[in-house]
């Protein structure tokens, strides 16, 4: 599988034009550098059953989730179940030992055992029509279905970890922003008190400053609760109800280009979900073949010896039996298997169409969000920051009112919050697109560049 491969990946040679936090790999994530270190690959083979302490990186979150998450255990059990079914499907029917005694315990010459006849017969069921072969193939395809389902679940788990980790990073950033706003409001209140005491401002200005400080402190406390909820959601994904890590370590943005829709669709063809459907359809075809083979009667062959007590002679016994398929030729089960194959085919078509629609819409959403972030950074964020700084300096020099300071500070804070929220939305959509494509987007883009270089 391409997705989640431990091999090193090279970043595209062209300039990166946007932001991406981390790229999912088979066991962990590849950062925007596109390279997974040997230490990180080795870390997957080491147990991570304890609670993460201190700062938590996205790579560590991936590792703990893969090792400890209860979400994957059910899929792992399904694989073991299918392996057991494969083992059972290949076993031959047990032979039967039959012992028979007759001509005794009656009347006259058969009153005793002198004229008794005893038979020992060993019989074996011989399956005809390739039943065992079809049964084994069906079971082995069931293993493939279970394994692809596990890979698909692993992709979605890592996607959820990525999105939860981004939520923690964003909550941390917003908390720091609101705490900074509260600090500025406290400084402004101190300045307002000084201005009121010196007669340069009315008491109303101090009251306004107190009101702003109270509002900012409330917002900061709300951000603390939001951060706590985000931390718990992340911890739940790696099997913990109470997070022990101090903070999430990472950045909300990393540079990486988006691949084309055509490249995404090509990668999608190797997605575990598509491979699972292919294996499932082939399994249904084998079930049809198996049910059709059951219309061919099986042969039971027996060999043995017969002993005659009256003269102590032995004779051989050969026996065979075969059912006559006069009424039951397994017609119902054959029809059922064919209908189930048709149903699975239609379900696979619907799943494919839905996934491709989601792939296209998510790609378009990312393109829009990319331009949105660039617009916020280029226009809203820089201008609002400049206004806040100039207004604060003017206020300290007595050239601006406190109301103007409040408006400028609120405008800059709203711009930063909007910037963070848009980045979070972009990153989450980015991870969803990787999950839909089934491969890291950096790897897909790198393949695009290699193809262009070979032209």
Protein backbone atom coordinates (compact mmCIF):
# COMPACT_ATOMS: atom_id res chain seq x y z
CA UNK A 1 0.00 0.00 0.00
CA UNK A 2 1.15 3.52 -0.76
CA UNK A 3 -0.57 5.10 2.19
CA UNK A 4 1.20 4.60 5.46
CA UNK A 5 4.42 3.42 3.84
CA UNK A 6 7.54 3.59 5.98
CA UNK A 7 9.77 4.42 3.06
CA UNK A 8 11.21 7.89 2.73
CA UNK A 9 9.32 10.37 0.65
CA UNK A 10 10.79 13.34 -1.19
CA UNK A 11 9.12 16.70 -1.20
CA UNK A 12 8.18 18.30 -4.50
CA UNK A 13 10.92 20.38 -6.07
CA UNK A 14 8.62 23.25 -6.94
CA UNK A 15 7.91 26.05 -4.50
CA UNK A 16 5.32 25.37 -1.83
CA UNK A 17 2.47 27.83 -1.81
CA UNK A 18 0.34 26.90 1.14
CA UNK A 19 0.08 25.42 4.56
CA UNK A 20 -0.27 21.89 5.78
CA UNK A 21 0.32 20.67 9.31
CA UNK A 22 1.32 17.06 8.87
CA UNK A 23 1.01 14.27 6.32
CA UNK A 24 -0.32 10.86 7.36
CA UNK A 25 1.84 7.77 6.87
CA UNK A 26 1.20 4.09 7.59
CA UNK A 27 2.23 4.14 11.20
CA UNK A 28 2.90 7.78 11.83
CA UNK A 29 2.93 11.08 9.98
CA UNK A 30 5.44 12.65 7.69
CA UNK A 31 5.93 16.32 8.36
CA UNK A 32 6.19 18.84 5.57
CA UNK A 33 9.80 17.78 5.13
CA UNK A 34 8.37 14.59 3.66
CA UNK A 35 10.90 12.33 5.39
CA UNK A 36 10.27 9.80 8.14
CA UNK A 37 13.30 9.30 10.31
CA UNK A 38 14.66 5.85 11.13
CA UNK A 39 14.14 6.61 14.80
CA UNK A 40 10.46 7.28 14.14
CA UNK A 41 10.01 4.08 12.15
CA UNK A 42 11.71 2.12 14.93
CA UNK A 43 9.45 3.77 17.49
CA UNK A 44 6.45 2.03 15.97
CA UNK A 45 7.95 -1.34 16.86
CA UNK A 46 8.36 -0.34 20.49
CA UNK A 47 5.37 -0.56 22.87
CA UNK A 48 3.66 2.71 23.77
CA UNK A 49 1.19 1.48 26.32
CA UNK A 50 1.67 4.25 28.89
CA UNK A 51 0.34 7.78 28.97
CA UNK A 52 2.23 10.43 26.98
CA UNK A 53 3.85 12.94 29.30
CA UNK A 54 5.10 16.45 28.70
CA UNK A 55 4.77 17.93 25.24
CA UNK A 56 2.94 15.74 22.73
CA UNK A 57 3.92 15.79 19.07
CA UNK A 58 1.70 14.64 16.25
CA UNK A 59 3.99 11.69 15.59
CA UNK A 60 3.69 10.53 19.17
CA UNK A 61 -0.09 10.94 19.01
CA UNK A 62 -0.19 8.74 15.91
CA UNK A 63 1.98 6.10 17.53
CA UNK A 64 -0.04 5.95 20.75
CA UNK A 65 -3.29 5.80 18.78
CA UNK A 66 -2.12 2.91 16.60
CA UNK A 67 -0.86 0.93 19.59
CA UNK A 68 -3.52 1.69 22.18
CA UNK A 69 -6.74 2.69 20.43
CA UNK A 70 -9.58 0.22 21.05
CA UNK A 71 -11.06 1.18 17.69
CA UNK A 72 -8.59 -0.98 15.79
CA UNK A 73 -8.75 -4.03 18.04
CA UNK A 74 -12.09 -5.17 16.63
CA UNK A 75 -10.70 -5.09 13.09
CA UNK A 76 -7.62 -7.03 14.20
CA UNK A 77 -9.91 -9.66 15.71
CA UNK A 78 -11.82 -9.85 12.42
CA UNK A 79 -8.55 -10.69 10.66
CA UNK A 80 -7.82 -13.49 13.10
CA UNK A 81 -11.38 -14.78 12.70
CA UNK A 82 -11.02 -14.87 8.91
CA UNK A 83 -7.69 -16.68 9.24
CA UNK A 84 -9.39 -19.30 11.41
CA UNK A 85 -12.13 -19.65 8.79
CA UNK A 86 -9.49 -20.21 6.11
CA UNK A 87 -7.90 -22.92 8.23
CA UNK A 88 -11.23 -24.64 8.75
CA UNK A 89 -12.27 -24.36 5.10
CA UNK A 90 -9.27 -26.39 3.92
CA UNK A 91 -9.77 -29.33 6.24
CA UNK A 92 -10.92 -32.62 4.72
CA UNK A 93 -14.03 -34.35 6.07
CA UNK A 94 -13.24 -36.89 8.77
CA UNK A 95 -13.42 -40.57 7.78
CA UNK A 96 -16.12 -42.69 9.42
CA UNK A 97 -15.63 -46.06 11.10
CA UNK A 98 -18.64 -48.33 11.02
CA UNK A 99 -18.92 -51.64 12.92
CA UNK A 100 -21.87 -53.92 12.24
CA UNK A 101 -22.85 -57.31 13.74
CA UNK A 102 -25.76 -59.45 12.55
CA UNK A 103 -27.16 -62.97 12.68
CA UNK A 104 -27.06 -63.27 16.48
CA UNK A 105 -29.41 -63.11 19.44
CA UNK A 106 -32.31 -64.57 17.49
CA UNK A 107 -33.86 -68.01 17.53
CA UNK A 108 -32.74 -71.31 16.16
CA UNK A 109 -29.35 -71.16 14.48
CA UNK A 110 -29.04 -67.44 15.23
CA UNK A 111 -29.68 -67.79 18.95
CA UNK A 112 -26.00 -67.46 19.83
CA UNK A 113 -22.89 -66.05 18.19
CA UNK A 114 -21.84 -69.19 16.32
CA UNK A 115 -23.37 -67.97 13.07
CA UNK A 116 -22.83 -64.28 13.71
CA UNK A 117 -21.45 -62.05 10.97
CA UNK A 118 -19.52 -58.87 11.78
CA UNK A 119 -18.43 -56.09 9.46
CA UNK A 120 -15.84 -53.34 9.98
CA UNK A 121 -16.15 -50.57 7.40
CA UNK A 122 -14.07 -47.39 6.93
CA UNK A 123 -15.75 -44.78 4.74
CA UNK A 124 -14.66 -41.39 3.43
CA UNK A 125 -16.68 -38.57 1.93
CA UNK A 126 -15.16 -37.42 -1.38
CA UNK A 127 -16.18 -33.86 -2.25
CA UNK A 128 -16.71 -33.46 -5.98
CA UNK A 129 -17.09 -30.38 -8.17
CA UNK A 130 -14.23 -28.44 -6.57
CA UNK A 131 -16.16 -27.62 -3.40
CA UNK A 132 -13.10 -27.56 -1.16
CA UNK A 133 -11.15 -25.39 -3.59
CA UNK A 134 -13.98 -22.84 -3.84
CA UNK A 135 -14.44 -22.91 -0.08
CA UNK A 136 -10.75 -22.15 0.53
CA UNK A 137 -10.69 -19.36 -2.05
CA UNK A 138 -13.78 -17.81 -0.47
CA UNK A 139 -12.20 -17.88 2.97
CA UNK A 140 -8.88 -16.44 1.75
CA UNK A 141 -10.71 -13.59 0.07
CA UNK A 142 -12.43 -13.02 3.40
CA UNK A 143 -8.97 -12.51 4.88
CA UNK A 144 -8.25 -9.87 2.23
CA UNK A 145 -11.53 -8.13 2.98
CA UNK A 146 -10.72 -8.05 6.70
CA UNK A 147 -7.20 -6.75 6.11
CA UNK A 148 -8.34 -3.97 3.79
CA UNK A 149 -11.04 -3.04 6.29
CA UNK A 150 -8.33 -2.81 8.95
CA UNK A 151 -6.19 -0.58 6.71
CA UNK A 152 -9.18 1.61 6.01
CA UNK A 153 -9.97 1.90 9.72
CA UNK A 154 -6.36 2.76 10.42
CA UNK A 155 -6.45 5.57 7.86
CA UNK A 156 -9.61 7.02 9.37
CA UNK A 157 -8.23 6.71 12.89
CA UNK A 158 -5.11 8.65 11.95
CA UNK A 159 -7.28 11.21 10.20
CA UNK A 160 -9.30 11.70 13.37
CA UNK A 161 -6.08 11.99 15.39
CA UNK A 162 -4.80 14.62 12.96
CA UNK A 163 -7.98 16.66 13.18
CA UNK A 164 -8.12 16.36 16.97
CA UNK A 165 -4.47 17.38 17.25
CA UNK A 166 -5.12 20.44 15.08
CA UNK A 167 -8.06 21.34 17.32
CA UNK A 168 -5.77 21.24 20.35
CA UNK A 169 -3.17 23.42 18.62
CA UNK A 170 -5.86 25.92 17.63
CA UNK A 171 -7.39 25.94 21.12
CA UNK A 172 -3.95 26.58 22.61
CA UNK A 173 -3.34 29.45 20.19
CA UNK A 174 -6.74 31.01 20.85
CA UNK A 175 -6.23 30.73 24.60
CA UNK A 176 -2.86 32.46 24.32
CA UNK A 177 -4.46 35.17 22.17
CA UNK A 178 -7.28 35.78 24.62
CA UNK A 179 -4.90 35.77 27.56
CA UNK A 180 -2.82 38.34 25.73
CA UNK A 181 -5.94 40.40 25.14
CA UNK A 182 -6.76 40.19 28.84
CA UNK A 183 -3.23 41.36 29.64
CA UNK A 184 -3.58 44.31 27.27
CA UNK A 185 -6.96 45.12 28.80
CA UNK A 186 -5.36 45.07 32.25
CA UNK A 187 -2.63 47.44 31.07
CA UNK A 188 -5.25 49.67 29.50
CA UNK A 189 -7.19 49.73 32.77
CA UNK A 190 -4.06 50.78 34.63
CA UNK A 191 -3.48 53.52 32.07
CA UNK A 192 -7.08 54.65 32.34
CA UNK A 193 -6.80 54.91 36.13
CA UNK A 194 -3.70 57.06 35.77
CA UNK A 195 -5.43 59.31 33.23
CA UNK A 196 -8.50 59.65 35.44
CA UNK A 197 -6.41 60.45 38.51
CA UNK A 198 -4.49 63.09 36.58
CA UNK A 199 -7.70 64.59 35.27
CA UNK A 200 -6.90 63.76 31.65
CA UNK A 201 -9.91 61.44 31.30
CA UNK A 202 -13.35 61.02 32.78
CA UNK A 203 -14.23 58.18 35.21
CA UNK A 204 -16.36 56.73 32.41
CA UNK A 205 -13.19 55.71 30.59
CA UNK A 206 -12.06 53.69 33.61
CA UNK A 207 -15.45 51.97 33.81
CA UNK A 208 -15.21 51.06 30.15
CA UNK A 209 -11.73 49.64 30.72
CA UNK A 210 -12.98 47.56 33.65
CA UNK A 211 -15.83 46.22 31.52
CA UNK A 212 -13.46 45.27 28.69
CA UNK A 213 -11.11 43.51 31.12
CA UNK A 214 -13.98 41.49 32.62
CA UNK A 215 -15.15 40.50 29.13
CA UNK A 216 -11.66 39.40 28.08
CA UNK A 217 -11.19 37.36 31.24
CA UNK A 218 -14.51 35.58 30.61
CA UNK A 219 -13.43 34.82 27.03
CA UNK A 220 -10.12 33.44 28.31
CA UNK A 221 -11.88 31.12 30.76
CA UNK A 222 -14.17 29.89 27.98
CA UNK A 223 -11.09 29.21 25.85
CA UNK A 224 -9.62 27.16 28.71
CA UNK A 225 -12.71 24.97 28.78
CA UNK A 226 -12.59 24.60 24.99
CA UNK A 227 -8.94 23.56 25.18
CA UNK A 228 -9.71 21.00 27.89
CA UNK A 229 -12.45 19.48 25.72
CA UNK A 230 -10.11 19.31 22.71
CA UNK A 231 -7.39 17.64 24.79
CA UNK A 232 -9.82 15.01 26.05
CA UNK A 233 -11.07 14.30 22.54
CA UNK A 234 -7.49 13.72 21.38
CA UNK A 235 -6.70 11.51 24.38
CA UNK A 236 -9.79 9.39 23.70
CA UNK A 237 -8.38 8.48 20.31
CA UNK A 238 -5.32 6.86 21.87
CA UNK A 239 -7.33 5.10 24.56
CA UNK A 240 -7.17 7.53 27.48
CA UNK A 241 -9.97 9.24 29.36
CA UNK A 242 -7.71 11.77 31.09
CA UNK A 243 -4.91 13.44 29.08
CA UNK A 244 -1.57 13.66 30.87
CA UNK A 245 0.41 15.60 28.25
CA UNK A 246 1.16 19.23 29.09
CA UNK A 247 0.57 20.71 25.65
CA UNK A 248 0.53 19.82 21.97
CA UNK A 249 3.70 20.75 20.14
CA UNK A 250 3.44 21.78 16.51
CA UNK A 251 2.40 24.45 14.06
CA UNK A 252 -0.92 25.12 12.47
CA UNK A 253 0.63 25.67 9.10
CA UNK A 254 3.24 24.05 6.91
CA UNK A 255 3.85 24.66 3.23
CA UNK A 256 2.77 22.10 0.67
CA UNK A 257 1.09 22.30 -2.75
CA UNK A 258 -2.12 20.52 -3.66
CA UNK A 259 -2.08 17.75 -6.27
CA UNK A 260 -4.44 17.86 -9.21
CA UNK A 261 -7.80 16.13 -9.14
CA UNK A 262 -6.62 13.70 -11.81
CA UNK A 263 -3.68 12.60 -9.65
CA UNK A 264 -5.98 12.22 -6.66
CA UNK A 265 -8.34 10.00 -8.63
CA UNK A 266 -5.46 7.82 -9.77
CA UNK A 267 -4.30 7.41 -6.17
CA UNK A 268 -7.88 6.68 -5.14
CA UNK A 269 -7.88 3.50 -7.24
CA UNK A 270 -5.45 1.95 -4.73
CA UNK A 271 -7.41 3.10 -1.70
CA UNK A 272 -8.03 0.30 0.84
CA UNK A 273 -11.76 0.87 0.51
CA UNK A 274 -11.67 0.23 -3.24
CA UNK A 275 -9.42 -2.79 -2.74
CA UNK A 276 -11.78 -4.07 -0.06
CA UNK A 277 -14.73 -3.79 -2.46
CA UNK A 278 -12.75 -5.60 -5.18
CA UNK A 279 -11.92 -8.43 -2.77
CA UNK A 280 -15.50 -8.55 -1.52
CA UNK A 281 -16.90 -8.81 -5.06
CA UNK A 282 -14.46 -11.60 -5.90
CA UNK A 283 -15.45 -13.33 -2.68
CA UNK A 284 -19.11 -13.18 -3.71
CA UNK A 285 -18.18 -14.67 -7.10
CA UNK A 286 -16.45 -17.53 -5.32
CA UNK A 287 -19.54 -18.01 -3.16
CA UNK A 288 -21.61 -18.34 -6.34
CA UNK A 289 -19.14 -20.91 -7.67
CA UNK A 290 -19.22 -22.74 -4.34
CA UNK A 291 -23.00 -22.92 -4.28
CA UNK A 292 -23.05 -24.11 -7.89
CA UNK A 293 -20.54 -26.84 -7.04
CA UNK A 294 -22.86 -28.02 -4.27
CA UNK A 295 -25.34 -29.07 -6.95
CA UNK A 296 -22.88 -31.85 -7.84
CA UNK A 297 -23.45 -34.82 -5.48
CA UNK A 298 -20.60 -35.99 -3.29
CA UNK A 299 -19.46 -39.59 -3.25
CA UNK A 300 -19.05 -41.60 -0.08
CA UNK A 301 -16.66 -44.52 -0.54
CA UNK A 302 -16.23 -47.29 2.03
CA UNK A 303 -13.96 -50.33 2.30
CA UNK A 304 -13.81 -53.00 4.98
CA UNK A 305 -13.85 -56.63 6.06
CA UNK A 306 -16.64 -59.02 6.92
CA UNK A 307 -16.08 -61.94 9.32
CA UNK A 308 -18.19 -65.12 9.39
CA UNK A 309 -18.08 -66.89 12.77
CA UNK A 310 -19.48 -70.17 11.52
CA UNK A 311 -16.40 -70.92 9.41
CA UNK A 312 -14.03 -68.17 10.52
CA UNK A 313 -13.81 -66.83 6.97
CA UNK A 314 -13.15 -63.22 5.90
CA UNK A 315 -14.44 -61.32 2.89
CA UNK A 316 -13.90 -57.84 1.58
CA UNK A 317 -16.59 -55.18 1.54
CA UNK A 318 -16.75 -52.28 -0.90
CA UNK A 319 -19.42 -49.66 -0.48
CA UNK A 320 -20.22 -46.40 -2.16
CA UNK A 321 -23.18 -44.09 -1.97
CA UNK A 322 -24.22 -40.95 -3.80
CA UNK A 323 -27.36 -38.86 -3.35
CA UNK A 324 -29.63 -38.55 -6.37
CA UNK A 325 -30.19 -34.82 -7.10
CA UNK A 326 -33.78 -35.32 -8.05
CA UNK A 327 -35.37 -32.48 -6.06
CA UNK A 328 -32.70 -30.48 -4.25
CA UNK A 329 -29.99 -29.20 -6.58
CA UNK A 330 -29.20 -26.23 -4.32
CA UNK A 331 -31.23 -23.95 -6.59
CA UNK A 332 -32.25 -21.58 -3.80
CA UNK A 333 -28.77 -21.01 -2.44
CA UNK A 334 -27.38 -20.50 -5.94
CA UNK A 335 -29.98 -17.85 -6.66
CA UNK A 336 -29.35 -16.22 -3.29
CA UNK A 337 -25.59 -16.08 -3.92
CA UNK A 338 -26.12 -14.48 -7.33
CA UNK A 339 -28.46 -11.87 -5.91
CA UNK A 340 -26.00 -11.07 -3.13
CA UNK A 341 -23.28 -10.63 -5.76
CA UNK A 342 -25.47 -8.18 -7.64
CA UNK A 343 -26.24 -6.30 -4.44
CA UNK A 344 -22.56 -6.07 -3.53
CA UNK A 345 -21.75 -4.77 -7.01
CA UNK A 346 -24.34 -2.01 -6.76
CA UNK A 347 -23.15 -1.10 -3.26
CA UNK A 348 -19.57 -0.89 -4.52
CA UNK A 349 -20.67 1.43 -7.33
CA UNK A 350 -22.51 3.68 -4.88
CA UNK A 351 -19.54 3.74 -2.53
CA UNK A 352 -17.17 4.61 -5.36
CA UNK A 353 -19.36 7.43 -6.64
CA UNK A 354 -19.82 8.89 -3.16
CA UNK A 355 -16.09 8.76 -2.49
CA UNK A 356 -15.21 10.42 -5.80
CA UNK A 357 -17.77 13.16 -5.21
CA UNK A 358 -16.32 13.75 -1.74
CA UNK A 359 -12.81 13.74 -3.21
CA UNK A 360 -13.70 16.41 -5.77
CA UNK A 361 -15.68 18.61 -3.39
CA UNK A 362 -12.99 18.43 -0.70
CA UNK A 363 -10.31 19.38 -3.23
CA UNK A 364 -12.36 22.41 -4.32
CA UNK A 365 -12.97 23.33 -0.71
CA UNK A 366 -9.23 23.26 -0.05
CA UNK A 367 -8.53 25.51 -3.01
CA UNK A 368 -11.09 28.01 -1.72
CA UNK A 369 -9.75 27.89 1.83
CA UNK A 370 -6.21 28.34 0.57
CA UNK A 371 -7.13 31.58 -1.17
CA UNK A 372 -9.16 32.59 1.88
CA UNK A 373 -6.18 32.23 4.21
CA UNK A 374 -3.92 34.07 1.79
CA UNK A 375 -6.47 36.88 1.57
CA UNK A 376 -6.79 37.11 5.36
CA UNK A 377 -3.02 37.23 5.80
CA UNK A 378 -2.42 39.65 2.96
CA UNK A 379 -5.22 42.09 3.74
CA UNK A 380 -7.17 41.66 6.97
CA UNK A 381 -4.47 40.42 9.35
CA UNK A 382 -1.69 42.80 8.38
CA UNK A 383 -3.90 45.88 8.20
CA UNK A 384 -5.69 45.21 11.50
CA UNK A 385 -2.36 44.62 13.25
CA UNK A 386 -1.01 47.89 11.89
CA UNK A 387 -4.13 49.75 13.03
CA UNK A 388 -3.89 48.27 16.52
CA UNK A 389 -0.22 49.19 16.95
CA UNK A 390 -0.68 52.74 15.68
CA UNK A 391 -3.82 53.30 17.76
CA UNK A 392 -2.09 52.03 20.92
CA UNK A 393 0.85 54.37 20.38
CA UNK A 394 -1.51 57.25 19.72
CA UNK A 395 -3.43 56.45 22.90
CA UNK A 396 -0.23 56.45 24.95
CA UNK A 397 0.61 59.84 23.47
CA UNK A 398 -2.87 61.14 24.25
CA UNK A 399 -3.83 61.39 20.58
CA UNK A 400 -6.50 58.66 20.56
CA UNK A 401 -9.44 57.83 22.78
CA UNK A 402 -9.77 54.64 24.72
CA UNK A 403 -12.80 53.71 22.63
CA UNK A 404 -10.58 53.78 19.54
CA UNK A 405 -8.08 51.52 21.30
CA UNK A 406 -10.83 49.04 22.15
CA UNK A 407 -12.12 48.99 18.58
CA UNK A 408 -8.62 48.51 17.13
CA UNK A 409 -7.79 45.74 19.61
CA UNK A 410 -11.08 43.95 18.98
CA UNK A 411 -10.61 44.19 15.21
CA UNK A 412 -7.12 42.67 15.40
CA UNK A 413 -8.26 39.92 17.78
CA UNK A 414 -11.17 39.03 15.51
CA UNK A 415 -8.82 38.91 12.52
CA UNK A 416 -6.44 36.55 14.31
CA UNK A 417 -9.26 34.32 15.47
CA UNK A 418 -10.69 34.20 11.95
CA UNK A 419 -7.24 33.39 10.61
CA UNK A 420 -6.82 30.54 13.09
CA UNK A 421 -10.30 29.16 12.45
CA UNK A 422 -9.76 29.21 8.68
CA UNK A 423 -6.41 27.45 9.07
CA UNK A 424 -8.05 24.80 11.23
CA UNK A 425 -10.81 24.31 8.68
CA UNK A 426 -8.23 24.02 5.92
CA UNK A 427 -6.09 21.53 7.80
CA UNK A 428 -9.03 19.33 8.70
CA UNK A 429 -10.19 19.31 5.10
CA UNK A 430 -6.61 18.50 4.07
CA UNK A 431 -6.57 15.44 6.30
CA UNK A 432 -9.97 14.38 4.97
CA UNK A 433 -8.62 14.63 1.42
CA UNK A 434 -5.63 12.46 2.34
CA UNK A 435 -7.99 9.89 3.83
CA UNK A 436 -10.11 9.94 0.67
CA UNK A 437 -7.06 9.64 -1.59
CA UNK A 438 -5.50 6.90 0.53
CA UNK A 439 -2.00 8.35 0.20
CA UNK A 440 -0.08 11.34 1.57
CA UNK A 441 -0.68 14.34 -0.68
CA UNK A 442 3.03 15.14 -0.63
CA UNK A 443 3.69 11.73 -2.18
CA UNK A 444 1.05 12.29 -4.86
CA UNK A 445 2.47 15.71 -5.69
CA UNK A 446 5.97 14.28 -5.80
CA UNK A 447 4.79 11.67 -8.31
CA UNK A 448 3.31 14.46 -10.41
CA UNK A 449 6.62 16.29 -10.47
CA UNK A 450 8.52 13.13 -11.42
CA UNK A 451 6.12 12.53 -14.30
CA UNK A 452 6.59 16.10 -15.53
CA UNK A 453 10.36 15.76 -15.35
CA UNK A 454 10.24 12.55 -17.40
CA UNK A 455 8.25 14.18 -20.18
